[in-house]
C-alpha atoms as a PDB file:
ATOM      1  CA  UNK A   1     -81.702-100.662-136.787  1.00  0.00           C
ATOM      2  CA  UNK A   2     -81.809 -98.340-139.780  1.00  0.00           C
ATOM      3  CA  UNK A   3     -83.992 -95.895-137.849  1.00  0.00           C
ATOM      4  CA  UNK A   4     -81.448 -95.804-135.022  1.00  0.00           C
ATOM      5  CA  UNK A   5     -78.624 -95.113-137.467  1.00  0.00           C
ATOM      6  CA  UNK A   6     -80.701 -92.430-139.194  1.00  0.00           C
ATOM      7  CA  UNK A   7     -81.534 -90.756-135.874  1.00  0.00           C
ATOM      8  CA  UNK A   8     -77.847 -90.803-134.906  1.00  0.00           C
ATOM      9  CA  UNK A   9     -76.835 -89.168-138.202  1.00  0.00           C
ATOM     10  CA  UNK A  10     -79.429 -86.403-137.824  1.00  0.00           C
ATOM     11  CA  UNK A  11     -78.437 -85.762-134.195  1.00  0.00           C
ATOM     12  CA  UNK A  12     -74.769 -85.647-135.169  1.00  0.00           C
ATOM     13  CA  UNK A  13     -75.458 -83.124-137.920  1.00  0.00           C
ATOM     14  CA  UNK A  14     -77.427 -80.897-135.551  1.00  0.00           C
ATOM     15  CA  UNK A  15     -74.507 -80.987-133.107  1.00  0.00           C
ATOM     16  CA  UNK A  16     -72.132 -79.944-135.886  1.00  0.00           C
ATOM     17  CA  UNK A  17     -74.512 -77.159-136.837  1.00  0.00           C
ATOM     18  CA  UNK A  18     -74.375 -75.776-133.304  1.00  0.00           C
ATOM     19  CA  UNK A  19     -70.568 -75.883-132.945  1.00  0.00           C
ATOM     20  CA  UNK A  20     -69.698 -74.900-136.530  1.00  0.00           C
ATOM     21  CA  UNK A  21     -69.759 -71.111-135.858  1.00  0.00           C
ATOM     22  CA  UNK A  22     -67.178 -71.621-133.114  1.00  0.00           C
ATOM     23  CA  UNK A  23     -64.532 -73.046-135.477  1.00  0.00           C
ATOM     24  CA  UNK A  24     -65.383 -71.332-138.779  1.00  0.00           C
ATOM     25  CA  UNK A  25     -63.689 -68.091-139.922  1.00  0.00           C
ATOM     26  CA  UNK A  26     -65.155 -64.868-138.624  1.00  0.00           C
ATOM     27  CA  UNK A  27     -67.123 -63.272-141.509  1.00  0.00           C
ATOM     28  CA  UNK A  28     -65.585 -60.200-143.108  1.00  0.00           C
ATOM     29  CA  UNK A  29     -67.688 -57.050-142.754  1.00  0.00           C
ATOM     30  CA  UNK A  30     -67.927 -55.346-146.136  1.00  0.00           C
ATOM     31  CA  UNK A  31     -69.347 -52.111-144.753  1.00  0.00           C
ATOM     32  CA  UNK A  32     -66.411 -49.702-145.011  1.00  0.00           C
ATOM     33  CA  UNK A  33     -64.068 -52.357-146.425  1.00  0.00           C
ATOM     34  CA  UNK A  34     -61.838 -51.755-149.448  1.00  0.00           C
ATOM     35  CA  UNK A  35     -62.521 -54.300-152.210  1.00  0.00           C
ATOM     36  CA  UNK A  36     -60.371 -54.488-155.344  1.00  0.00           C
ATOM     37  CA  UNK A  37     -61.956 -56.211-158.348  1.00  0.00           C
ATOM     38  CA  UNK A  38     -59.842 -57.012-161.390  1.00  0.00           C
ATOM     39  CA  UNK A  39     -61.808 -57.560-164.588  1.00  0.00           C
ATOM     40  CA  UNK A  40     -64.347 -55.243-162.987  1.00  0.00           C
ATOM     41  CA  UNK A  41     -65.531 -53.420-166.105  1.00  0.00           C
ATOM     42  CA  UNK A  42     -68.063 -56.065-167.198  1.00  0.00           C
ATOM     43  CA  UNK A  43     -69.634 -59.445-166.553  1.00  0.00           C
ATOM     44  CA  UNK A  44     -69.166 -61.253-163.254  1.00  0.00           C
ATOM     45  CA  UNK A  45     -66.495 -58.812-162.066  1.00  0.00           C
ATOM     46  CA  UNK A  46     -68.772 -55.808-162.432  1.00  0.00           C
ATOM     47  CA  UNK A  47     -71.631 -57.602-160.671  1.00  0.00           C
ATOM     48  CA  UNK A  48     -69.326 -58.604-157.801  1.00  0.00           C
ATOM     49  CA  UNK A  49     -68.340 -54.943-157.423  1.00  0.00           C
ATOM     50  CA  UNK A  50     -72.016 -53.947-157.373  1.00  0.00           C
ATOM     51  CA  UNK A  51     -72.851 -56.606-154.790  1.00  0.00           C
ATOM     52  CA  UNK A  52     -70.038 -55.444-152.510  1.00  0.00           C
ATOM     53  CA  UNK A  53     -71.042 -51.800-152.976  1.00  0.00           C
ATOM     54  CA  UNK A  54     -74.581 -52.662-151.902  1.00  0.00           C
ATOM     55  CA  UNK A  55     -73.065 -53.842-148.636  1.00  0.00           C
ATOM     56  CA  UNK A  56     -71.185 -50.602-148.015  1.00  0.00           C
ATOM     57  CA  UNK A  57     -67.764 -51.381-149.468  1.00  0.00           C
ATOM     58  CA  UNK A  58     -65.332 -48.983-151.140  1.00  0.00           C
ATOM     59  CA  UNK A  59     -64.454 -50.310-154.601  1.00  0.00           C
ATOM     60  CA  UNK A  60     -61.412 -50.209-156.847  1.00  0.00           C
ATOM     61  CA  UNK A  61     -62.228 -51.394-160.362  1.00  0.00           C
ATOM     62  CA  UNK A  62     -59.280 -52.647-162.407  1.00  0.00           C
ATOM     63  CA  UNK A  63     -59.467 -53.417-166.131  1.00  0.00           C
ATOM     64  CA  UNK A  64     -57.814 -52.549-169.444  1.00  0.00           C
ATOM     65  CA  UNK A  65     -60.577 -50.620-171.239  1.00  0.00           C
ATOM     66  CA  UNK A  66     -60.884 -47.156-169.690  1.00  0.00           C
ATOM     67  CA  UNK A  67     -64.189 -46.366-171.422  1.00  0.00           C
ATOM     68  CA  UNK A  68     -65.802 -49.550-170.079  1.00  0.00           C
ATOM     69  CA  UNK A  69     -64.376 -48.812-166.641  1.00  0.00           C
ATOM     70  CA  UNK A  70     -66.029 -45.403-166.517  1.00  0.00           C
ATOM     71  CA  UNK A  71     -69.353 -46.887-167.604  1.00  0.00           C
ATOM     72  CA  UNK A  72     -69.047 -49.626-164.974  1.00  0.00           C
ATOM     73  CA  UNK A  73     -68.254 -47.011-162.337  1.00  0.00           C
ATOM     74  CA  UNK A  74     -71.553 -45.241-163.035  1.00  0.00           C
ATOM     75  CA  UNK A  75     -73.465 -48.514-162.690  1.00  0.00           C
ATOM     76  CA  UNK A  76     -71.729 -49.451-159.450  1.00  0.00           C
ATOM     77  CA  UNK A  77     -72.287 -45.997-157.932  1.00  0.00           C
ATOM     78  CA  UNK A  78     -76.049 -46.458-158.347  1.00  0.00           C
ATOM     79  CA  UNK A  79     -75.833 -49.230-155.739  1.00  0.00           C
ATOM     80  CA  UNK A  80     -74.516 -46.948-152.970  1.00  0.00           C
ATOM     81  CA  UNK A  81     -76.035 -47.191-149.495  1.00  0.00           C
ATOM     82  CA  UNK A  82     -74.345 -44.070-148.131  1.00  0.00           C
ATOM     83  CA  UNK A  83     -72.740 -40.897-149.497  1.00  0.00           C
ATOM     84  CA  UNK A  84     -69.262 -41.765-148.180  1.00  0.00           C
ATOM     85  CA  UNK A  85     -68.665 -44.656-150.558  1.00  0.00           C
ATOM     86  CA  UNK A  86     -66.165 -44.244-153.394  1.00  0.00           C
ATOM     87  CA  UNK A  87     -65.509 -46.093-156.652  1.00  0.00           C
ATOM     88  CA  UNK A  88     -61.964 -45.785-157.973  1.00  0.00           C
ATOM     89  CA  UNK A  89     -61.058 -46.820-161.539  1.00  0.00           C
ATOM     90  CA  UNK A  90     -57.609 -48.016-162.632  1.00  0.00           C
ATOM     91  CA  UNK A  91     -56.806 -48.887-166.234  1.00  0.00           C
ATOM     92  CA  UNK A  92     -54.019 -51.487-166.419  1.00  0.00           C
ATOM     93  CA  UNK A  93     -53.344 -54.918-167.910  1.00  0.00           C
ATOM     94  CA  UNK A  94     -52.814 -57.089-164.824  1.00  0.00           C
ATOM     95  CA  UNK A  95     -51.161 -59.844-166.877  1.00  0.00           C
ATOM     96  CA  UNK A  96     -48.264 -57.868-168.360  1.00  0.00           C
ATOM     97  CA  UNK A  97     -45.967 -56.163-165.867  1.00  0.00           C
ATOM     98  CA  UNK A  98     -45.898 -56.981-162.142  1.00  0.00           C
ATOM     99  CA  UNK A  99     -44.139 -53.704-161.314  1.00  0.00           C
ATOM    100  CA  UNK A 100     -46.968 -51.735-162.885  1.00  0.00           C
ATOM    101  CA  UNK A 101     -49.625 -53.796-161.103  1.00  0.00           C
ATOM    102  CA  UNK A 102     -47.867 -53.306-157.768  1.00  0.00           C
ATOM    103  CA  UNK A 103     -47.680 -49.564-158.385  1.00  0.00           C
ATOM    104  CA  UNK A 104     -51.384 -49.100-159.146  1.00  0.00           C
ATOM    105  CA  UNK A 105     -52.434 -51.256-156.182  1.00  0.00           C
ATOM    106  CA  UNK A 106     -50.258 -49.080-153.972  1.00  0.00           C
ATOM    107  CA  UNK A 107     -51.994 -45.978-155.356  1.00  0.00           C
ATOM    108  CA  UNK A 108     -55.399 -47.505-154.651  1.00  0.00           C
ATOM    109  CA  UNK A 109     -54.404 -48.275-151.060  1.00  0.00           C
ATOM    110  CA  UNK A 110     -53.140 -44.736-150.555  1.00  0.00           C
ATOM    111  CA  UNK A 111     -56.551 -43.389-151.623  1.00  0.00           C
ATOM    112  CA  UNK A 112     -58.978 -45.922-150.116  1.00  0.00           C
ATOM    113  CA  UNK A 113     -56.938 -47.658-147.447  1.00  0.00           C
ATOM    114  CA  UNK A 114     -55.489 -51.175-147.277  1.00  0.00           C
ATOM    115  CA  UNK A 115     -57.188 -53.844-149.357  1.00  0.00           C
ATOM    116  CA  UNK A 116     -59.556 -56.010-147.293  1.00  0.00           C
ATOM    117  CA  UNK A 117     -60.683 -58.232-150.161  1.00  0.00           C
ATOM    118  CA  UNK A 118     -59.131 -58.869-153.569  1.00  0.00           C
ATOM    119  CA  UNK A 119     -61.287 -60.393-156.297  1.00  0.00           C
ATOM    120  CA  UNK A 120     -59.247 -61.821-159.177  1.00  0.00           C
ATOM    121  CA  UNK A 121     -61.802 -61.841-161.976  1.00  0.00           C
ATOM    122  CA  UNK A 122     -59.731 -60.727-164.967  1.00  0.00           C
ATOM    123  CA  UNK A 123     -59.833 -63.478-167.545  1.00  0.00           C
ATOM    124  CA  UNK A 124     -60.589 -64.591-171.066  1.00  0.00           C
ATOM    125  CA  UNK A 125     -61.767 -67.753-172.773  1.00  0.00           C
ATOM    126  CA  UNK A 126     -60.889 -69.438-176.029  1.00  0.00           C
ATOM    127  CA  UNK A 127     -62.529 -72.620-177.218  1.00  0.00           C
ATOM    128  CA  UNK A 128     -61.469 -74.814-180.086  1.00  0.00           C
ATOM    129  CA  UNK A 129     -59.976 -78.182-180.883  1.00  0.00           C
ATOM    130  CA  UNK A 130     -56.418 -78.617-179.668  1.00  0.00           C
ATOM    131  CA  UNK A 131     -54.711 -78.663-183.069  1.00  0.00           C
ATOM    132  CA  UNK A 132     -56.800 -75.732-184.322  1.00  0.00           C
ATOM    133  CA  UNK A 133     -55.908 -73.304-181.533  1.00  0.00           C
ATOM    134  CA  UNK A 134     -52.899 -71.118-182.359  1.00  0.00           C
ATOM    135  CA  UNK A 135     -49.928 -71.854-180.113  1.00  0.00           C
ATOM    136  CA  UNK A 136     -49.646 -68.225-179.014  1.00  0.00           C
ATOM    137  CA  UNK A 137     -53.187 -68.433-177.613  1.00  0.00           C
ATOM    138  CA  UNK A 138     -52.126 -71.049-175.064  1.00  0.00           C
ATOM    139  CA  UNK A 139     -49.492 -68.660-173.761  1.00  0.00           C
ATOM    140  CA  UNK A 140     -51.877 -65.699-173.710  1.00  0.00           C
ATOM    141  CA  UNK A 141     -54.503 -67.593-171.713  1.00  0.00           C
ATOM    142  CA  UNK A 142     -51.956 -68.555-169.064  1.00  0.00           C
ATOM    143  CA  UNK A 143     -50.809 -64.956-168.859  1.00  0.00           C
ATOM    144  CA  UNK A 144     -54.309 -63.514-168.443  1.00  0.00           C
ATOM    145  CA  UNK A 145     -56.044 -66.217-166.418  1.00  0.00           C
ATOM    146  CA  UNK A 146     -53.131 -67.293-164.215  1.00  0.00           C
ATOM    147  CA  UNK A 147     -50.488 -64.550-164.032  1.00  0.00           C
ATOM    148  CA  UNK A 148     -53.301 -61.980-164.147  1.00  0.00           C
ATOM    149  CA  UNK A 149     -54.289 -63.356-160.731  1.00  0.00           C
ATOM    150  CA  UNK A 150     -50.785 -63.957-159.381  1.00  0.00           C
ATOM    151  CA  UNK A 151     -49.642 -60.352-159.851  1.00  0.00           C
ATOM    152  CA  UNK A 152     -52.497 -58.557-157.986  1.00  0.00           C
ATOM    153  CA  UNK A 153     -52.330 -61.162-155.217  1.00  0.00           C
ATOM    154  CA  UNK A 154     -48.611 -60.595-154.736  1.00  0.00           C
ATOM    155  CA  UNK A 155     -49.273 -56.856-154.623  1.00  0.00           C
ATOM    156  CA  UNK A 156     -51.721 -57.082-151.679  1.00  0.00           C
ATOM    157  CA  UNK A 157     -50.485 -60.060-149.684  1.00  0.00           C
ATOM    158  CA  UNK A 158     -47.765 -58.321-147.657  1.00  0.00           C
ATOM    159  CA  UNK A 159     -50.148 -55.708-146.257  1.00  0.00           C
ATOM    160  CA  UNK A 160     -52.759 -58.363-145.507  1.00  0.00           C
ATOM    161  CA  UNK A 161     -50.194 -60.393-143.562  1.00  0.00           C
ATOM    162  CA  UNK A 162     -49.126 -57.323-141.596  1.00  0.00           C
ATOM    163  CA  UNK A 163     -52.764 -56.618-140.685  1.00  0.00           C
ATOM    164  CA  UNK A 164     -53.450 -60.324-140.114  1.00  0.00           C
ATOM    165  CA  UNK A 165     -56.709 -60.210-142.052  1.00  0.00           C
ATOM    166  CA  UNK A 166     -58.032 -60.370-145.591  1.00  0.00           C
ATOM    167  CA  UNK A 167     -59.878 -62.267-148.273  1.00  0.00           C
ATOM    168  CA  UNK A 168     -58.594 -63.326-151.693  1.00  0.00           C
ATOM    169  CA  UNK A 169     -60.925 -64.699-154.347  1.00  0.00           C
ATOM    170  CA  UNK A 170     -59.912 -66.436-157.550  1.00  0.00           C
ATOM    171  CA  UNK A 171     -62.673 -66.723-160.143  1.00  0.00           C
ATOM    172  CA  UNK A 172     -62.030 -70.006-161.902  1.00  0.00           C
ATOM    173  CA  UNK A 173     -64.664 -71.991-163.832  1.00  0.00           C
ATOM    174  CA  UNK A 174     -66.324 -75.389-163.877  1.00  0.00           C
ATOM    175  CA  UNK A 175     -63.845 -76.013-166.693  1.00  0.00           C
ATOM    176  CA  UNK A 176     -61.222 -75.593-163.961  1.00  0.00           C
ATOM    177  CA  UNK A 177     -62.667 -78.615-162.142  1.00  0.00           C
ATOM    178  CA  UNK A 178     -62.968 -81.038-165.060  1.00  0.00           C
ATOM    179  CA  UNK A 179     -61.392 -80.950-168.501  1.00  0.00           C
ATOM    180  CA  UNK A 180     -63.891 -80.493-171.317  1.00  0.00           C
ATOM    181  CA  UNK A 181     -63.864 -80.990-175.064  1.00  0.00           C
ATOM    182  CA  UNK A 182     -62.770 -77.776-176.772  1.00  0.00           C
ATOM    183  CA  UNK A 183     -61.095 -76.284-173.690  1.00  0.00           C
ATOM    184  CA  UNK A 184     -57.537 -77.624-174.040  1.00  0.00           C
ATOM    185  CA  UNK A 185     -56.216 -74.054-173.845  1.00  0.00           C
ATOM    186  CA  UNK A 186     -58.734 -72.653-171.360  1.00  0.00           C
ATOM    187  CA  UNK A 187     -59.110 -75.445-168.787  1.00  0.00           C
ATOM    188  CA  UNK A 188     -55.405 -75.678-167.812  1.00  0.00           C
ATOM    189  CA  UNK A 189     -55.280 -71.932-167.119  1.00  0.00           C
ATOM    190  CA  UNK A 190     -58.253 -72.283-164.758  1.00  0.00           C
ATOM    191  CA  UNK A 191     -56.973 -75.491-163.153  1.00  0.00           C
ATOM    192  CA  UNK A 192     -53.793 -73.559-162.318  1.00  0.00           C
ATOM    193  CA  UNK A 193     -55.790 -71.193-160.114  1.00  0.00           C
ATOM    194  CA  UNK A 194     -56.898 -74.050-157.904  1.00  0.00           C
ATOM    195  CA  UNK A 195     -53.319 -75.215-157.366  1.00  0.00           C
ATOM    196  CA  UNK A 196     -52.290 -71.669-156.520  1.00  0.00           C
ATOM    197  CA  UNK A 197     -55.229 -71.207-154.161  1.00  0.00           C
ATOM    198  CA  UNK A 198     -54.677 -74.476-152.280  1.00  0.00           C
ATOM    199  CA  UNK A 199     -50.998 -73.727-151.712  1.00  0.00           C
ATOM    200  CA  UNK A 200     -51.654 -70.101-150.814  1.00  0.00           C
ATOM    201  CA  UNK A 201     -54.353 -70.995-148.286  1.00  0.00           C
ATOM    202  CA  UNK A 202     -51.885 -73.205-146.409  1.00  0.00           C
ATOM    203  CA  UNK A 203     -49.429 -70.319-146.161  1.00  0.00           C
ATOM    204  CA  UNK A 204     -51.981 -67.638-145.296  1.00  0.00           C
ATOM    205  CA  UNK A 205     -54.255 -69.341-142.757  1.00  0.00           C
ATOM    206  CA  UNK A 206     -51.950 -68.519-139.782  1.00  0.00           C
ATOM    207  CA  UNK A 207     -52.404 -64.856-140.719  1.00  0.00           C
ATOM    208  CA  UNK A 208     -56.229 -65.026-140.727  1.00  0.00           C
ATOM    209  CA  UNK A 209     -56.306 -64.616-144.506  1.00  0.00           C
ATOM    210  CA  UNK A 210     -58.803 -66.825-146.305  1.00  0.00           C
ATOM    211  CA  UNK A 211     -58.769 -67.833-149.961  1.00  0.00           C
ATOM    212  CA  UNK A 212     -61.857 -68.631-152.046  1.00  0.00           C
ATOM    213  CA  UNK A 213     -61.970 -70.315-155.448  1.00  0.00           C
ATOM    214  CA  UNK A 214     -65.207 -69.669-157.342  1.00  0.00           C
ATOM    215  CA  UNK A 215     -66.343 -72.153-159.985  1.00  0.00           C
ATOM    216  CA  UNK A 216     -69.156 -70.452-161.914  1.00  0.00           C
ATOM    217  CA  UNK A 217     -70.913 -72.280-164.754  1.00  0.00           C
ATOM    218  CA  UNK A 218     -71.579 -70.662-168.142  1.00  0.00           C
ATOM    219  CA  UNK A 219     -72.725 -67.139-167.297  1.00  0.00           C
ATOM    220  CA  UNK A 220     -74.484 -64.580-169.469  1.00  0.00           C
ATOM    221  CA  UNK A 221     -71.573 -62.185-170.007  1.00  0.00           C
ATOM    222  CA  UNK A 222     -69.868 -60.457-172.952  1.00  0.00           C
ATOM    223  CA  UNK A 223     -67.049 -62.965-172.570  1.00  0.00           C
ATOM    224  CA  UNK A 224     -69.384 -65.924-173.116  1.00  0.00           C
ATOM    225  CA  UNK A 225     -70.923 -64.250-176.161  1.00  0.00           C
ATOM    226  CA  UNK A 226     -67.467 -63.815-177.661  1.00  0.00           C
ATOM    227  CA  UNK A 227     -66.478 -67.385-176.812  1.00  0.00           C
ATOM    228  CA  UNK A 228     -69.601 -68.805-178.473  1.00  0.00           C
ATOM    229  CA  UNK A 229     -68.485 -67.418-181.840  1.00  0.00           C
ATOM    230  CA  UNK A 230     -65.782 -70.076-182.154  1.00  0.00           C
ATOM    231  CA  UNK A 231     -67.060 -72.793-179.831  1.00  0.00           C
ATOM    232  CA  UNK A 232     -67.034 -76.297-181.420  1.00  0.00           C
ATOM    233  CA  UNK A 233     -70.371 -78.052-181.794  1.00  0.00           C
ATOM    234  CA  UNK A 234     -69.374 -80.733-179.279  1.00  0.00           C
ATOM    235  CA  UNK A 235     -68.548 -78.078-176.684  1.00  0.00           C
ATOM    236  CA  UNK A 236     -71.866 -76.317-177.291  1.00  0.00           C
ATOM    237  CA  UNK A 237     -73.778 -79.560-176.758  1.00  0.00           C
ATOM    238  CA  UNK A 238     -71.975 -80.172-173.458  1.00  0.00           C
ATOM    239  CA  UNK A 239     -72.559 -76.596-172.281  1.00  0.00           C
ATOM    240  CA  UNK A 240     -76.257 -76.686-173.099  1.00  0.00           C
ATOM    241  CA  UNK A 241     -76.861 -79.481-170.588  1.00  0.00           C
ATOM    242  CA  UNK A 242     -76.360 -77.097-167.645  1.00  0.00           C
ATOM    243  CA  UNK A 243     -77.920 -73.868-168.977  1.00  0.00           C
ATOM    244  CA  UNK A 244     -76.681 -70.305-168.470  1.00  0.00           C
ATOM    245  CA  UNK A 245     -76.618 -68.365-165.185  1.00  0.00           C
ATOM    246  CA  UNK A 246     -77.038 -64.634-164.715  1.00  0.00           C
ATOM    247  CA  UNK A 247     -73.971 -62.727-163.450  1.00  0.00           C
ATOM    248  CA  UNK A 248     -75.972 -61.097-160.640  1.00  0.00           C
ATOM    249  CA  UNK A 249     -76.852 -64.528-159.250  1.00  0.00           C
ATOM    250  CA  UNK A 250     -73.246 -65.699-159.445  1.00  0.00           C
ATOM    251  CA  UNK A 251     -72.018 -62.513-157.747  1.00  0.00           C
ATOM    252  CA  UNK A 252     -74.329 -62.916-154.744  1.00  0.00           C
ATOM    253  CA  UNK A 253     -73.152 -66.464-154.120  1.00  0.00           C
ATOM    254  CA  UNK A 254     -69.410 -65.964-154.551  1.00  0.00           C
ATOM    255  CA  UNK A 255     -69.360 -62.767-152.464  1.00  0.00           C
ATOM    256  CA  UNK A 256     -71.209 -64.557-149.664  1.00  0.00           C
ATOM    257  CA  UNK A 257     -68.736 -67.445-149.751  1.00  0.00           C
ATOM    258  CA  UNK A 258     -65.708 -65.143-149.792  1.00  0.00           C
ATOM    259  CA  UNK A 259     -67.035 -63.094-146.875  1.00  0.00           C
ATOM    260  CA  UNK A 260     -67.581 -66.282-144.874  1.00  0.00           C
ATOM    261  CA  UNK A 261     -64.108 -67.580-145.726  1.00  0.00           C
ATOM    262  CA  UNK A 262     -65.267 -70.657-147.647  1.00  0.00           C
ATOM    263  CA  UNK A 263     -62.578 -72.170-149.847  1.00  0.00           C
ATOM    264  CA  UNK A 264     -64.894 -73.556-152.535  1.00  0.00           C
ATOM    265  CA  UNK A 265     -67.701 -71.507-154.055  1.00  0.00           C
ATOM    266  CA  UNK A 266     -70.108 -73.184-156.452  1.00  0.00           C
ATOM    267  CA  UNK A 267     -73.380 -72.153-158.084  1.00  0.00           C
ATOM    268  CA  UNK A 268     -76.517 -74.299-158.140  1.00  0.00           C
ATOM    269  CA  UNK A 269     -76.997 -77.991-157.329  1.00  0.00           C
ATOM    270  CA  UNK A 270     -74.951 -79.144-160.333  1.00  0.00           C
ATOM    271  CA  UNK A 271     -72.077 -76.925-159.273  1.00  0.00           C
ATOM    272  CA  UNK A 272     -72.284 -78.149-155.692  1.00  0.00           C
ATOM    273  CA  UNK A 273     -72.192 -81.810-156.727  1.00  0.00           C
ATOM    274  CA  UNK A 274     -69.264 -81.148-159.070  1.00  0.00           C
ATOM    275  CA  UNK A 275     -67.335 -79.404-156.285  1.00  0.00           C
ATOM    276  CA  UNK A 276     -68.038 -82.253-153.865  1.00  0.00           C
ATOM    277  CA  UNK A 277     -66.896 -84.913-156.324  1.00  0.00           C
ATOM    278  CA  UNK A 278     -63.739 -83.048-157.382  1.00  0.00           C
ATOM    279  CA  UNK A 279     -62.747 -81.627-153.983  1.00  0.00           C
ATOM    280  CA  UNK A 280     -59.706 -83.903-153.612  1.00  0.00           C
ATOM    281  CA  UNK A 281     -57.529 -82.528-150.802  1.00  0.00           C
ATOM    282  CA  UNK A 282     -58.910 -78.989-151.012  1.00  0.00           C
ATOM    283  CA  UNK A 283     -58.983 -77.076-147.702  1.00  0.00           C
ATOM    284  CA  UNK A 284     -62.254 -77.043-145.771  1.00  0.00           C
ATOM    285  CA  UNK A 285     -63.329 -74.237-143.477  1.00  0.00           C
ATOM    286  CA  UNK A 286     -65.773 -76.198-141.312  1.00  0.00           C
ATOM    287  CA  UNK A 287     -66.414 -79.734-140.111  1.00  0.00           C
ATOM    288  CA  UNK A 288     -69.778 -79.654-141.849  1.00  0.00           C
ATOM    289  CA  UNK A 289     -68.241 -78.870-145.219  1.00  0.00           C
ATOM    290  CA  UNK A 290     -65.743 -81.691-144.892  1.00  0.00           C
ATOM    291  CA  UNK A 291     -68.377 -84.248-143.958  1.00  0.00           C
ATOM    292  CA  UNK A 292     -70.623 -83.100-146.797  1.00  0.00           C
ATOM    293  CA  UNK A 293     -67.852 -83.773-149.264  1.00  0.00           C
ATOM    294  CA  UNK A 294     -67.093 -87.169-147.705  1.00  0.00           C
ATOM    295  CA  UNK A 295     -70.761 -88.155-147.838  1.00  0.00           C
ATOM    296  CA  UNK A 296     -71.189 -87.326-151.516  1.00  0.00           C
ATOM    297  CA  UNK A 297     -67.899 -88.957-152.521  1.00  0.00           C
ATOM    298  CA  UNK A 298     -68.839 -92.067-150.545  1.00  0.00           C
ATOM    299  CA  UNK A 299     -72.217 -92.135-152.273  1.00  0.00           C
ATOM    300  CA  UNK A 300     -70.514 -91.928-155.654  1.00  0.00           C
ATOM    301  CA  UNK A 301     -68.000 -94.678-154.799  1.00  0.00           C
ATOM    302  CA  UNK A 302     -70.692 -96.968-153.432  1.00  0.00           C
ATOM    303  CA  UNK A 303     -72.814 -96.466-156.526  1.00  0.00           C
ATOM    304  CA  UNK A 304     -69.903 -97.440-158.747  1.00  0.00           C
ATOM    305  CA  UNK A 305     -68.839-100.455-156.680  1.00  0.00           C
ATOM    306  CA  UNK A 306     -72.368-101.746-156.162  1.00  0.00           C
ATOM    307  CA  UNK A 307     -72.777-102.409-159.875  1.00  0.00           C
ATOM    308  CA  UNK A 308     -70.111-105.095-159.622  1.00  0.00           C
ATOM    309  CA  UNK A 309     -70.333-106.524-156.117  1.00  0.00           C
ATOM    310  CA  UNK A 310     -73.563-105.703-154.256  1.00  0.00           C
ATOM    311  CA  UNK A 311     -76.925-107.403-154.194  1.00  0.00           C
ATOM    312  CA  UNK A 312     -79.998-105.218-154.705  1.00  0.00           C
ATOM    313  CA  UNK A 313     -81.052-105.086-151.008  1.00  0.00           C
ATOM    314  CA  UNK A 314     -77.568-103.969-149.928  1.00  0.00           C
ATOM    315  CA  UNK A 315     -77.518-101.345-152.702  1.00  0.00           C
ATOM    316  CA  UNK A 316     -80.759 -99.861-151.395  1.00  0.00           C
ATOM    317  CA  UNK A 317     -79.382 -99.832-147.850  1.00  0.00           C
ATOM    318  CA  UNK A 318     -76.154 -98.104-148.847  1.00  0.00           C
ATOM    319  CA  UNK A 319     -77.931 -95.557-151.029  1.00  0.00           C
ATOM    320  CA  UNK A 320     -80.513 -94.839-148.377  1.00  0.00           C
ATOM    321  CA  UNK A 321     -78.024 -94.176-145.584  1.00  0.00           C
ATOM    322  CA  UNK A 322     -75.597 -92.270-147.798  1.00  0.00           C
ATOM    323  CA  UNK A 323     -78.378 -90.137-149.264  1.00  0.00           C
ATOM    324  CA  UNK A 324     -79.792 -89.435-145.802  1.00  0.00           C
ATOM    325  CA  UNK A 325     -76.384 -88.444-144.502  1.00  0.00           C
ATOM    326  CA  UNK A 326     -75.641 -86.246-147.492  1.00  0.00           C
ATOM    327  CA  UNK A 327     -79.053 -84.577-147.309  1.00  0.00           C
ATOM    328  CA  UNK A 328     -78.714 -83.953-143.582  1.00  0.00           C
ATOM    329  CA  UNK A 329     -75.250 -82.468-143.978  1.00  0.00           C
ATOM    330  CA  UNK A 330     -76.467 -80.256-146.819  1.00  0.00           C
ATOM    331  CA  UNK A 331     -79.323 -78.955-144.702  1.00  0.00           C
ATOM    332  CA  UNK A 332     -76.932 -78.292-141.832  1.00  0.00           C
ATOM    333  CA  UNK A 333     -74.551 -76.359-144.066  1.00  0.00           C
ATOM    334  CA  UNK A 334     -77.411 -74.368-145.544  1.00  0.00           C
ATOM    335  CA  UNK A 335     -78.620 -73.410-142.087  1.00  0.00           C
ATOM    336  CA  UNK A 336     -75.101 -72.433-141.097  1.00  0.00           C
ATOM    337  CA  UNK A 337     -74.807 -70.165-144.145  1.00  0.00           C
ATOM    338  CA  UNK A 338     -78.122 -68.523-143.336  1.00  0.00           C
END
């Protein structure tokens, strides 16, 4: 009986794999596309710009520090695949004045054409125990991490709707999926991006605009180095359990997910499991993705409930079928991505 059920699950997954391309968003072609990257002067933002440039995109880098912007521009230009590509630099604080942000985005579109993909990567992190963080820092984090994404998005959304196409990425964090010790100021500002993204995706889907929320883990960037200077010991111990990723690796994954129109973008097996277990009512862009999430959540629920109510043979049966289903769905999604 178990073999019949297993065969049915595998056959069902293969069927989903075959029909998934018919119902998933059409991938965005980056060759010749205009990509705006806020926070593009360093870290993940700069690496995202480089990854897009390697695929033929025209890039607008937005950040506050003009000197860092010019240095980043030189690094991005080394990734060119043709002599027509252009890197434009704009120095502005995207969290301060919406009118100014709207104006510079308009200038960028006049020079490089309408924005095809917006990457909201401007952000900052502060760690510390709740009562030790200055009150003004809570406000500043919401301004930079949340409003710093709202303003550029508002500036590009009208044109995207008129063209009935576009991609918008919000770079959140794994601390935007679960609250962590020492991140009482940081986590809420990253959680806010998910709420914005979920609501925005509902409004934009009829216009063929797809929203992606990226949840990178700790990444080897100047921002992380600065954060580590004040990070509480408890927070350091938690962070060390998952290691540190390289920004180039993160950039490849999140750009791929944004191009494909995936709502959630996670890095590594830990990130994938965390996204599956915290997906809630997040939008899904394919049947396969939805079933993957259901399978992993079901596995988690069964594991919890079995401790109290199941005999050992039934536990093994549940785990075996759930694990097989989850593994099959994962393989199907991987093949679809490839």
